[in-house]
Amino acid sequence: MLAALVAACVLPAAIAAGLLLVQDYRLQRERLYRQELLLAQGAVAEIDRELGRIGAVLESLATSRELVNGHLADFHDRASQALAVGLVDNYVLMARDGRQLLNTLQPYGTPLPRAGVGPDLARVFDRGELTVTGLVASSVSKEQMISVAVPVWRDGKVVQALAVGLSPARVAGLLRRHNLPENWIATVVDGHGTIIARSLDNARFVGSPAQPELVEAILGRREGVYDARTHEGFEVITAFSRSMVADWSVAVGAPQAEVTRQLYRSIAIAALGVAAAIGLGMLVALGWARRLTRSVQGLIGPALALGRGELVAAPRTGLKEADAVGEVLEQASKMLAHAQHLAHTDALTGLSNRLLFEALAHRQLIDDQRNGQRRVLLALDLDGFKGVNDHHGHAMGDQVLKIAAQRIVGSLRSADVPARLGGDEFVVLLSDTAPDGAATVAEKLVRALSEPYPGVRQPVSASVGIAVAPAAGATVADLLRRADEALYEAKRAGKRRWAARA
């Protein structure tokens, strides 16, 4: 009878512990989902910035004097020189019928094969817009490449396409910049469900079809999370996000063992606790069961509040496991509230918005403190922008902001982070840059943003404020404030210039 009574007392505690473990497991998975999704969104944003830079260079070359005047030999030399920037592998000028007029992989005048115009590249001629393809086999190098192409216009018609070749290895390099945790895998998949790049074993899997679950998921949504299996056969929890520039998606997979390992550890602890409770006897078992019951009841309200999307304040019960779950509930509610208010990209310019910029800048500043690197924050403002809205209307003002964003991206490195804070205010976070280098970038931005804007009669220029970390501050807020002070100092000094604050 005593053994039966002890068992009856311990049973509720065992059930309560099981419920807590299930809830803890679910919350661990949810936290992993959020972490993966943020990594996927960050990788997509970097890929989009890189494609934007490539597009800006292509559009500049497509309107170059050599190409407009038909001096293809001179244009071949200029395009070959542009390869030194390191963005792409080669440039190709293609006629509407698929003939390659020049290819920087071959000396000018070398006979080139007729490559043909696939469905992806056909959009350049049909729609007259920038196009990013999936994997295509290069007719010259015979290697798999990705093409980014822009139209070449003559008399209002698209007569040629100027394209670049981008190797999958370059895209894989962008993925590896994000320092994924060990055993995590990031994959870029095109709109046809083909793997374009992979952070692990890139050469082995490029060109292979993605897992059917991933293909089905990216066809139905722009981003999401689901459980899947890698090509190597590992069970992973996967989050994905789709590009705004190309018909690509980035998927980030974390091993299921990330959360099951914690679950097994918690199960072992609970089992030891139940065994100890049985040994202590009827009174101790009864008291423990009552304590667990109170702890579970105290978590019901916070759990329901979490389900409604409210901030959670879980009571502290003094029970380690229950308090740990309460802390997880609080953290999960804060993450959920933050995610609900997080807008990832400025809709007008395609740059990062304030929230995403501050999150990325905060993480990079923390990394810099560990690595001893320096970051520089630039605050930019367009001089005379109000006059554009007043004399040309807000539609033209929006066009000026788009062009300004393109010029900013075209003036930066791929590791730099540009963002639009609102109106005509922009910021840039430069990676590992000395003050002299920051001044050079600021001068370059002033010149680029002060060039004439098509269709705008009002003079538009730019002023830039510079703040260098850690001298000007160790936080994003401090750097923004010091950069704004320097910006207004530049404006007071006559605009169209830059100023710095230490």
Protein backbone atom coordinates (compact mmCIF):
# COMPACT_ATOMS: atom_id res chain seq x y z
CA MET A 1 0.00 0.00 0.00
CA LEU A 2 2.86 2.37 0.80
CA ALA A 3 4.49 1.66 -2.57
CA ALA A 4 1.16 2.21 -4.30
CA LEU A 5 0.65 5.48 -2.43
CA VAL A 6 4.15 6.69 -3.32
CA ALA A 7 3.58 5.75 -6.97
CA ALA A 8 0.27 7.59 -6.95
CA CYS A 9 1.95 10.68 -5.51
CA VAL A 10 4.82 10.60 -8.00
CA LEU A 11 2.64 9.97 -11.06
CA PRO A 12 1.26 13.55 -11.32
CA ALA A 13 4.78 14.92 -11.05
CA ALA A 14 5.95 12.59 -13.81
CA ILE A 15 3.07 13.69 -16.05
CA ALA A 16 3.74 17.35 -15.29
CA ALA A 17 7.41 16.90 -16.11
CA GLY A 18 6.46 15.31 -19.41
CA LEU A 19 4.21 18.25 -20.29
CA LEU A 20 6.97 20.68 -19.44
CA LEU A 21 9.43 18.77 -21.60
CA VAL A 22 7.06 18.80 -24.58
CA GLN A 23 6.51 22.54 -24.19
CA ASP A 24 10.23 23.17 -23.80
CA TYR A 25 10.94 21.11 -26.93
CA ARG A 26 8.42 23.12 -28.94
CA LEU A 27 9.86 26.41 -27.75
CA GLN A 28 13.40 25.28 -28.57
CA ARG A 29 12.28 24.48 -32.12
CA GLU A 30 10.54 27.86 -32.42
CA ARG A 31 13.69 29.67 -31.31
CA LEU A 32 15.74 27.70 -33.84
CA TYR A 33 13.20 28.58 -36.56
CA ARG A 34 13.64 32.30 -35.83
CA GLN A 35 17.42 32.08 -35.84
CA GLU A 36 17.46 30.20 -39.15
CA LEU A 37 14.98 32.59 -40.77
CA LEU A 38 17.05 35.63 -39.79
CA LEU A 39 20.15 33.99 -41.27
CA ALA A 40 18.28 33.17 -44.50
CA GLN A 41 16.96 36.74 -44.74
CA GLY A 42 20.43 38.16 -44.14
CA ALA A 43 21.93 35.92 -46.85
CA VAL A 44 19.17 36.92 -49.30
CA ALA A 45 19.75 40.61 -48.56
CA GLU A 46 23.49 40.23 -49.25
CA ILE A 47 22.88 38.31 -52.48
CA ASP A 48 20.38 40.97 -53.60
CA ARG A 49 22.91 43.72 -52.88
CA GLU A 50 25.56 41.84 -54.88
CA LEU A 51 23.18 41.34 -57.82
CA GLY A 52 22.24 45.02 -57.60
CA ARG A 53 25.89 46.02 -57.83
CA ILE A 54 26.41 43.75 -60.82
CA GLY A 55 23.29 45.18 -62.47
CA ALA A 56 24.52 48.73 -61.92
CA VAL A 57 27.89 47.92 -63.54
CA LEU A 58 26.14 46.23 -66.49
CA GLU A 59 23.81 49.18 -67.06
CA SER A 60 26.78 51.53 -67.01
CA LEU A 61 28.64 49.42 -69.60
CA ALA A 62 25.49 49.03 -71.74
CA THR A 63 25.40 52.79 -72.24
CA SER A 64 29.16 53.23 -72.70
CA ARG A 65 30.44 55.27 -75.63
CA GLU A 66 32.30 52.34 -77.15
CA LEU A 67 29.19 50.17 -77.29
CA VAL A 68 26.89 52.97 -78.49
CA ASN A 69 29.30 53.78 -81.33
CA GLY A 70 29.70 50.11 -82.26
CA HIS A 71 33.44 49.99 -81.44
CA LEU A 72 33.31 46.42 -80.19
CA ALA A 73 37.07 45.94 -80.00
CA ASP A 74 37.38 48.94 -77.69
CA PHE A 75 34.37 47.75 -75.71
CA HIS A 76 36.00 44.30 -75.35
CA ASP A 77 39.04 46.00 -73.81
CA ARG A 78 36.90 48.04 -71.45
CA ALA A 79 34.86 45.02 -70.35
CA SER A 80 38.06 43.03 -69.80
CA GLN A 81 39.38 45.81 -67.57
CA ALA A 82 36.11 45.78 -65.61
CA LEU A 83 36.81 42.15 -64.61
CA ALA A 84 39.48 43.48 -62.27
CA VAL A 85 36.73 44.63 -59.91
CA GLY A 86 36.25 40.96 -59.05
CA LEU A 87 32.45 40.78 -59.20
CA VAL A 88 32.06 38.42 -62.17
CA ASP A 89 33.93 35.91 -64.33
CA ASN A 90 33.30 37.25 -67.84
CA TYR A 91 31.24 39.61 -70.00
CA VAL A 92 29.23 38.52 -73.06
CA LEU A 93 27.55 40.70 -75.70
CA MET A 94 24.78 38.74 -77.43
CA ALA A 95 22.59 39.51 -80.44
CA ARG A 96 18.87 38.81 -80.46
CA ASP A 97 19.36 35.64 -82.51
CA GLY A 98 21.73 34.18 -79.91
CA ARG A 99 25.03 35.00 -81.62
CA GLN A 100 27.82 35.97 -79.26
CA LEU A 101 29.35 39.19 -80.58
CA LEU A 102 32.15 39.14 -78.00
CA ASN A 103 33.15 37.18 -74.91
CA THR A 104 35.92 38.31 -72.59
CA LEU A 105 36.97 34.67 -72.14
CA GLN A 106 38.30 34.86 -75.73
CA PRO A 107 40.38 37.51 -77.53
CA TYR A 108 38.29 39.86 -79.65
CA GLY A 109 37.74 38.50 -83.14
CA THR A 110 37.89 34.84 -82.11
CA PRO A 111 34.96 32.93 -83.68
CA LEU A 112 32.34 32.33 -81.03
CA PRO A 113 29.58 29.71 -80.92
CA ARG A 114 25.90 30.52 -81.29
CA ALA A 115 24.75 30.12 -77.72
CA GLY A 116 21.04 30.44 -78.31
CA VAL A 117 18.63 32.47 -76.20
CA GLY A 118 17.00 30.45 -73.44
CA PRO A 119 13.68 31.33 -71.80
CA ASP A 120 15.42 33.25 -69.02
CA LEU A 121 17.55 35.43 -71.31
CA ALA A 122 14.62 35.93 -73.67
CA ARG A 123 13.05 38.17 -71.03
CA VAL A 124 15.82 40.70 -71.62
CA PHE A 125 14.70 41.14 -75.23
CA ASP A 126 10.97 40.72 -74.61
CA ARG A 127 10.63 42.92 -71.54
CA GLY A 128 13.72 45.09 -71.70
CA GLU A 129 14.63 44.51 -68.06
CA LEU A 130 17.45 43.11 -65.96
CA THR A 131 17.29 39.32 -65.81
CA VAL A 132 19.03 36.80 -63.54
CA THR A 133 19.05 33.23 -64.87
CA GLY A 134 19.44 29.89 -63.22
CA LEU A 135 22.36 27.59 -64.06
CA VAL A 136 23.35 27.52 -67.73
CA ALA A 137 26.23 25.74 -69.45
CA SER A 138 28.73 28.21 -70.89
CA SER A 139 29.22 27.55 -74.59
CA VAL A 140 32.85 28.72 -74.31
CA SER A 141 34.16 27.45 -70.95
CA LYS A 142 31.74 24.46 -70.85
CA GLU A 143 31.25 25.14 -67.14
CA GLN A 144 28.00 25.81 -65.33
CA MET A 145 27.43 29.52 -64.83
CA ILE A 146 24.76 31.99 -63.73
CA SER A 147 24.01 34.89 -66.06
CA VAL A 148 22.95 38.41 -65.17
CA ALA A 149 21.88 40.36 -68.26
CA VAL A 150 20.62 43.85 -69.15
CA PRO A 151 19.21 45.13 -72.45
CA VAL A 152 21.18 47.32 -74.86
CA TRP A 153 18.85 49.88 -76.42
CA ARG A 154 18.97 51.52 -79.84
CA ASP A 155 16.25 53.90 -81.03
CA GLY A 156 13.85 52.67 -78.39
CA LYS A 157 14.39 48.97 -79.19
CA VAL A 158 16.38 46.23 -77.49
CA VAL A 159 18.97 45.17 -80.06
CA GLN A 160 21.46 43.29 -77.90
CA ALA A 161 21.90 41.84 -74.42
CA LEU A 162 24.95 42.49 -72.25
CA ALA A 163 25.47 39.66 -69.77
CA VAL A 164 27.98 38.52 -67.19
CA GLY A 165 28.89 35.04 -66.08
CA LEU A 166 28.82 34.39 -62.35
CA SER A 167 30.26 31.11 -61.09
CA PRO A 168 28.40 29.12 -58.41
CA ALA A 169 31.57 29.29 -56.32
CA ARG A 170 31.15 33.07 -56.00
CA VAL A 171 27.59 32.67 -54.74
CA ALA A 172 28.75 29.98 -52.31
CA GLY A 173 31.34 32.45 -51.04
CA LEU A 174 28.54 34.89 -50.16
CA LEU A 175 26.86 32.14 -48.10
CA ARG A 176 30.05 31.35 -46.19
CA ARG A 177 30.44 34.99 -45.13
CA HIS A 178 27.63 34.49 -42.62
CA ASN A 179 29.69 32.13 -40.42
CA LEU A 180 27.01 29.50 -40.06
CA PRO A 181 27.17 27.34 -36.92
CA GLU A 182 28.93 23.99 -37.28
CA ASN A 183 26.96 21.39 -39.29
CA TRP A 184 24.47 24.02 -40.56
CA ILE A 185 23.98 24.13 -44.32
CA ALA A 186 22.90 27.06 -46.53
CA THR A 187 21.68 26.42 -50.10
CA VAL A 188 20.65 28.72 -52.97
CA VAL A 189 17.94 27.26 -55.22
CA ASP A 190 16.68 28.80 -58.48
CA GLY A 191 13.07 28.99 -59.64
CA HIS A 192 13.37 25.61 -61.40
CA GLY A 193 14.33 23.82 -58.18
CA THR A 194 18.02 23.45 -59.08
CA ILE A 195 20.82 23.99 -56.56
CA ILE A 196 22.88 27.03 -57.60
CA ALA A 197 25.26 27.17 -54.64
CA ARG A 198 25.84 25.45 -51.31
CA SER A 199 27.89 26.39 -48.25
CA LEU A 200 29.15 22.78 -47.91
CA ASP A 201 30.34 20.52 -50.78
CA ASN A 202 29.41 23.19 -53.33
CA ALA A 203 31.08 21.58 -56.33
CA ARG A 204 29.47 18.23 -55.54
CA PHE A 205 25.86 19.40 -55.44
CA VAL A 206 25.69 22.38 -57.86
CA GLY A 207 23.28 21.55 -60.67
CA SER A 208 21.51 18.84 -58.68
CA PRO A 209 17.77 19.09 -58.07
CA ALA A 210 16.83 20.35 -54.63
CA GLN A 211 14.87 18.15 -52.27
CA PRO A 212 11.18 17.94 -53.37
CA GLU A 213 9.99 19.30 -50.02
CA LEU A 214 12.08 22.46 -50.49
CA VAL A 215 10.93 22.94 -54.08
CA GLU A 216 7.30 22.59 -53.05
CA ALA A 217 7.79 25.04 -50.17
CA ILE A 218 9.50 27.82 -52.15
CA LEU A 219 6.94 27.60 -54.95
CA GLY A 220 4.12 28.35 -52.53
CA ARG A 221 5.60 31.00 -50.21
CA ARG A 222 8.22 33.75 -50.08
CA GLU A 223 9.59 32.48 -46.77
CA GLY A 224 8.84 29.85 -44.17
CA VAL A 225 10.13 26.92 -42.10
CA TYR A 226 9.64 23.15 -42.34
CA ASP A 227 11.33 19.82 -41.52
CA ALA A 228 13.33 18.15 -44.29
CA ARG A 229 16.23 15.83 -45.14
CA THR A 230 19.51 16.91 -46.78
CA HIS A 231 21.10 15.21 -49.78
CA GLU A 232 23.47 13.52 -47.33
CA GLY A 233 20.47 12.04 -45.51
CA PHE A 234 20.54 14.21 -42.37
CA GLU A 235 17.29 15.27 -40.70
CA VAL A 236 17.24 19.09 -40.58
CA ILE A 237 14.97 21.95 -39.61
CA THR A 238 14.94 24.31 -42.59
CA ALA A 239 14.04 27.99 -43.03
CA PHE A 240 13.96 29.71 -46.42
CA SER A 241 13.56 33.21 -47.86
CA ARG A 242 13.14 34.32 -51.48
CA SER A 243 15.16 36.99 -53.27
CA MET A 244 13.56 40.27 -54.35
CA VAL A 245 15.90 40.56 -57.37
CA ALA A 246 16.15 37.03 -58.79
CA ASP A 247 13.89 33.99 -58.84
CA TRP A 248 16.13 32.46 -56.18
CA SER A 249 15.58 31.29 -52.63
CA VAL A 250 18.08 30.75 -49.80
CA ALA A 251 17.43 27.82 -47.44
CA VAL A 252 19.26 27.37 -44.12
CA GLY A 253 19.14 23.94 -42.46
CA ALA A 254 20.06 23.09 -38.87
CA PRO A 255 20.35 19.47 -37.60
CA GLN A 256 17.33 18.22 -35.69
CA ALA A 257 19.85 17.04 -33.10
CA GLU A 258 20.20 20.71 -32.08
CA VAL A 259 16.87 20.40 -30.24
CA THR A 260 16.54 16.62 -29.67
CA ARG A 261 19.83 16.58 -27.75
CA GLN A 262 18.37 19.02 -25.25
CA LEU A 263 15.15 17.00 -25.12
CA TYR A 264 17.02 13.79 -24.26
CA ARG A 265 19.01 15.59 -21.59
CA SER A 266 15.80 16.95 -20.06
CA ILE A 267 14.20 13.49 -20.17
CA ALA A 268 17.17 12.01 -18.34
CA ILE A 269 17.02 14.71 -15.66
CA ALA A 270 13.27 14.19 -15.22
CA ALA A 271 13.72 10.43 -14.91
CA LEU A 272 16.34 10.85 -12.20
CA GLY A 273 14.06 13.26 -10.37
CA VAL A 274 11.17 10.80 -10.42
CA ALA A 275 13.40 8.00 -9.17
CA ALA A 276 14.65 10.16 -6.32
CA ALA A 277 11.09 11.17 -5.45
CA ILE A 278 10.05 7.52 -5.15
CA GLY A 279 12.97 6.84 -2.80
CA LEU A 280 12.16 9.76 -0.50
CA GLY A 281 8.81 8.34 0.45
CA MET A 282 5.18 9.21 0.55
CA LEU A 283 5.37 12.64 2.21
CA VAL A 284 8.19 13.96 0.05
CA ALA A 285 6.51 12.55 -3.07
CA LEU A 286 3.22 14.19 -2.16
CA GLY A 287 4.87 17.57 -1.54
CA TRP A 288 6.84 17.38 -4.78
CA ALA A 289 3.74 16.54 -6.75
CA ARG A 290 1.89 19.51 -5.31
CA ARG A 291 4.81 21.80 -6.10
CA LEU A 292 4.93 20.62 -9.70
CA THR A 293 1.21 21.11 -10.02
CA ARG A 294 1.46 24.71 -8.83
CA SER A 295 4.35 25.30 -11.24
CA VAL A 296 2.41 23.97 -14.23
CA GLN A 297 -0.64 26.01 -13.27
CA GLY A 298 1.55 29.10 -13.05
CA LEU A 299 2.75 28.52 -16.63
CA ILE A 300 -0.71 28.06 -18.13
CA GLY A 301 -1.48 31.79 -18.13
CA PRO A 302 1.86 32.80 -19.72
CA ALA A 303 1.52 29.99 -22.30
CA LEU A 304 -1.97 31.19 -23.28
CA ALA A 305 -0.69 34.79 -23.43
CA LEU A 306 2.10 33.62 -25.74
CA GLY A 307 -0.49 31.98 -27.99
CA ARG A 308 -2.29 35.35 -28.23
CA GLY A 309 0.96 37.08 -29.18
CA GLU A 310 1.22 39.05 -25.91
CA LEU A 311 4.34 39.77 -23.86
CA VAL A 312 4.78 37.13 -21.14
CA ALA A 313 5.83 37.66 -17.51
CA ALA A 314 6.14 34.14 -16.10
CA PRO A 315 6.07 33.85 -12.28
CA ARG A 316 9.17 32.42 -10.56
CA THR A 317 8.27 29.24 -8.69
CA GLY A 318 11.67 28.24 -7.35
CA LEU A 319 11.52 25.03 -9.40
CA LYS A 320 14.46 24.95 -11.79
CA GLU A 321 12.76 23.21 -14.72
CA ALA A 322 9.58 25.29 -14.48
CA ASP A 323 11.54 28.53 -14.16
CA ALA A 324 13.63 27.56 -17.20
CA VAL A 325 10.44 27.03 -19.22
CA GLY A 326 9.11 30.36 -17.90
CA GLU A 327 12.28 32.11 -19.11
CA VAL A 328 11.93 30.43 -22.50
CA LEU A 329 8.30 31.61 -22.65
CA GLU A 330 9.39 35.16 -21.88
CA GLN A 331 12.17 35.05 -24.47
CA ALA A 332 9.88 33.52 -27.07
CA SER A 333 7.24 36.20 -26.48
CA LYS A 334 9.83 38.95 -26.88
CA MET A 335 11.17 37.39 -30.08
CA LEU A 336 7.63 36.97 -31.43
CA ALA A 337 6.72 40.59 -30.63
CA HIS A 338 9.94 41.75 -32.26
CA ALA A 339 9.41 39.60 -35.34
CA GLN A 340 5.84 40.89 -35.77
CA HIS A 341 7.10 44.46 -35.97
CA LEU A 342 10.19 43.71 -38.02
CA ALA A 343 10.07 45.01 -41.59
CA HIS A 344 13.03 43.69 -43.48
CA THR A 345 13.45 45.87 -46.55
CA ASP A 346 12.61 49.40 -47.66
CA ALA A 347 9.91 48.90 -50.31
CA LEU A 348 10.93 51.87 -52.48
CA THR A 349 14.71 51.43 -52.80
CA GLY A 350 15.22 47.76 -51.96
CA LEU A 351 17.79 48.71 -49.27
CA SER A 352 17.63 47.54 -45.68
CA ASN A 353 15.32 49.54 -43.44
CA ARG A 354 16.18 50.97 -40.02
CA LEU A 355 15.22 47.87 -38.00
CA LEU A 356 17.17 45.41 -40.13
CA PHE A 357 20.12 47.82 -40.39
CA GLU A 358 20.32 48.29 -36.63
CA ALA A 359 20.14 44.52 -36.07
CA LEU A 360 22.92 43.81 -38.60
CA ALA A 361 25.04 46.74 -37.39
CA HIS A 362 24.68 45.65 -33.76
CA ARG A 363 25.82 42.12 -34.56
CA GLN A 364 28.78 43.36 -36.60
CA LEU A 365 29.87 45.81 -33.89
CA ILE A 366 29.89 42.94 -31.37
CA ASP A 367 32.02 40.86 -33.78
CA ASP A 368 34.38 43.83 -34.22
CA GLN A 369 34.90 44.10 -30.47
CA ARG A 370 36.05 40.47 -30.42
CA ASN A 371 38.16 40.70 -33.60
CA GLY A 372 39.65 44.16 -33.06
CA GLN A 373 38.27 45.51 -36.32
CA ARG A 374 36.93 49.01 -36.95
CA ARG A 375 33.58 50.03 -38.35
CA VAL A 376 32.63 53.40 -39.82
CA LEU A 377 29.06 54.70 -40.01
CA LEU A 378 28.15 57.23 -42.70
CA ALA A 379 24.97 59.33 -42.52
CA LEU A 380 23.84 60.70 -45.92
CA ASP A 381 21.23 63.28 -46.80
CA LEU A 382 20.23 64.62 -50.24
CA ASP A 383 20.59 68.40 -50.54
CA GLY A 384 17.77 70.05 -52.49
CA PHE A 385 15.51 66.99 -52.45
CA LYS A 386 12.51 68.98 -51.20
CA GLY A 387 12.74 71.12 -54.33
CA VAL A 388 12.37 67.99 -56.48
CA ASN A 389 9.06 67.11 -54.80
CA ASP A 390 7.86 70.73 -54.97
CA HIS A 391 8.65 71.29 -58.66
CA HIS A 392 8.37 67.78 -60.15
CA GLY A 393 6.02 65.93 -57.82
CA HIS A 394 6.47 63.01 -55.46
CA ALA A 395 6.66 60.45 -58.26
CA MET A 396 9.84 62.06 -59.57
CA GLY A 397 11.07 62.34 -55.96
CA ASP A 398 10.64 58.58 -55.58
CA GLN A 399 12.59 58.04 -58.80
CA VAL A 400 15.44 60.21 -57.48
CA LEU A 401 15.53 58.12 -54.27
CA LYS A 402 15.73 54.90 -56.31
CA ILE A 403 18.59 56.26 -58.43
CA ALA A 404 20.35 57.54 -55.31
CA ALA A 405 20.08 54.08 -53.72
CA GLN A 406 21.59 52.48 -56.85
CA ARG A 407 24.46 54.97 -56.80
CA ILE A 408 25.11 54.29 -53.14
CA VAL A 409 25.24 50.52 -53.71
CA GLY A 410 27.45 51.01 -56.76
CA SER A 411 29.94 53.02 -54.68
CA LEU A 412 30.35 50.42 -51.92
CA ARG A 413 31.92 47.02 -51.35
CA SER A 414 29.78 43.93 -50.97
CA ALA A 415 30.66 43.73 -47.25
CA ASP A 416 29.35 47.25 -46.57
CA VAL A 417 25.76 47.64 -45.34
CA PRO A 418 23.62 50.47 -46.85
CA ALA A 419 20.12 51.34 -45.59
CA ARG A 420 17.40 53.95 -45.98
CA LEU A 421 16.14 55.39 -42.70
CA GLY A 422 13.27 57.36 -44.28
CA GLY A 423 12.68 60.30 -46.59
CA ASP A 424 15.99 61.23 -48.22
CA GLU A 425 18.09 59.96 -45.29
CA PHE A 426 20.48 57.05 -45.84
CA VAL A 427 23.16 55.35 -43.72
CA VAL A 428 26.09 53.09 -44.58
CA LEU A 429 28.11 50.82 -42.28
CA LEU A 430 31.63 50.31 -43.66
CA SER A 431 33.49 47.17 -42.61
CA ASP A 432 37.07 47.31 -41.25
CA THR A 433 37.80 50.77 -42.66
CA ALA A 434 40.37 53.31 -41.51
CA PRO A 435 39.36 57.00 -41.16
CA ASP A 436 41.27 57.90 -44.35
CA GLY A 437 39.43 55.17 -46.23
CA ALA A 438 36.12 56.40 -44.87
CA ALA A 439 36.87 59.91 -46.13
CA THR A 440 37.61 58.48 -49.58
CA VAL A 441 34.30 56.59 -49.62
CA ALA A 442 32.44 59.70 -48.38
CA GLU A 443 33.95 61.83 -51.14
CA LYS A 444 33.02 59.16 -53.68
CA LEU A 445 29.42 59.13 -52.43
CA VAL A 446 29.19 62.93 -52.54
CA ARG A 447 30.34 62.94 -56.15
CA ALA A 448 28.04 60.08 -57.17
CA LEU A 449 24.95 61.51 -55.49
CA SER A 450 25.63 65.02 -56.81
CA GLU A 451 25.58 63.98 -60.46
CA PRO A 452 22.50 65.10 -62.46
CA TYR A 453 19.32 63.03 -62.16
CA PRO A 454 17.42 62.31 -65.41
CA GLY A 455 14.44 64.63 -65.87
CA VAL A 456 15.23 66.74 -62.79
CA ARG A 457 15.96 70.44 -63.26
CA GLN A 458 16.49 71.20 -59.59
CA PRO A 459 20.10 70.79 -58.41
CA VAL A 460 20.48 67.77 -56.11
CA SER A 461 23.64 66.99 -54.19
CA ALA A 462 24.58 65.12 -51.02
CA SER A 463 26.12 65.77 -47.62
CA VAL A 464 27.79 63.03 -45.58
CA GLY A 465 28.60 62.69 -41.87
CA ILE A 466 31.26 60.23 -40.65
CA ALA A 467 31.45 58.50 -37.26
CA VAL A 468 34.25 55.99 -36.54
CA ALA A 469 33.83 53.17 -34.00
CA PRO A 470 34.83 52.81 -31.26
CA ALA A 471 36.11 56.40 -30.91
CA ALA A 472 32.68 57.88 -31.72
CA GLY A 473 30.77 55.24 -29.76
CA ALA A 474 30.49 51.50 -29.27
CA THR A 475 26.77 51.21 -30.00
CA VAL A 476 24.67 51.74 -33.11
CA ALA A 477 22.73 54.54 -31.42
CA ASP A 478 25.93 56.41 -30.48
CA LEU A 479 27.34 56.10 -33.99
CA LEU A 480 24.07 57.27 -35.58
CA ARG A 481 23.97 60.29 -33.29
CA ARG A 482 27.59 61.26 -33.94
CA ALA A 483 27.20 60.72 -37.70
CA ASP A 484 24.09 62.95 -37.71
CA GLU A 485 26.03 65.66 -35.90
CA ALA A 486 28.78 65.46 -38.51
CA LEU A 487 26.16 65.48 -41.31
CA TYR A 488 24.59 68.72 -40.10
CA GLU A 489 28.05 70.19 -39.66
CA ALA A 490 28.65 69.47 -43.36
CA LYS A 491 25.33 71.07 -44.27
CA ARG A 492 26.11 74.20 -42.25
CA ALA A 493 29.47 74.42 -44.01
CA GLY A 494 27.74 74.74 -47.39
CA LYS A 495 26.46 71.24 -48.27
CA ARG A 496 27.83 68.96 -51.01
CA ARG A 497 30.66 67.88 -48.72
CA TRP A 498 31.47 65.58 -45.82
CA ALA A 499 32.43 66.08 -42.19
CA ALA A 500 33.66 63.66 -39.51
CA ARG A 501 33.20 63.26 -35.77
CA ALA A 502 35.56 61.29 -33.56
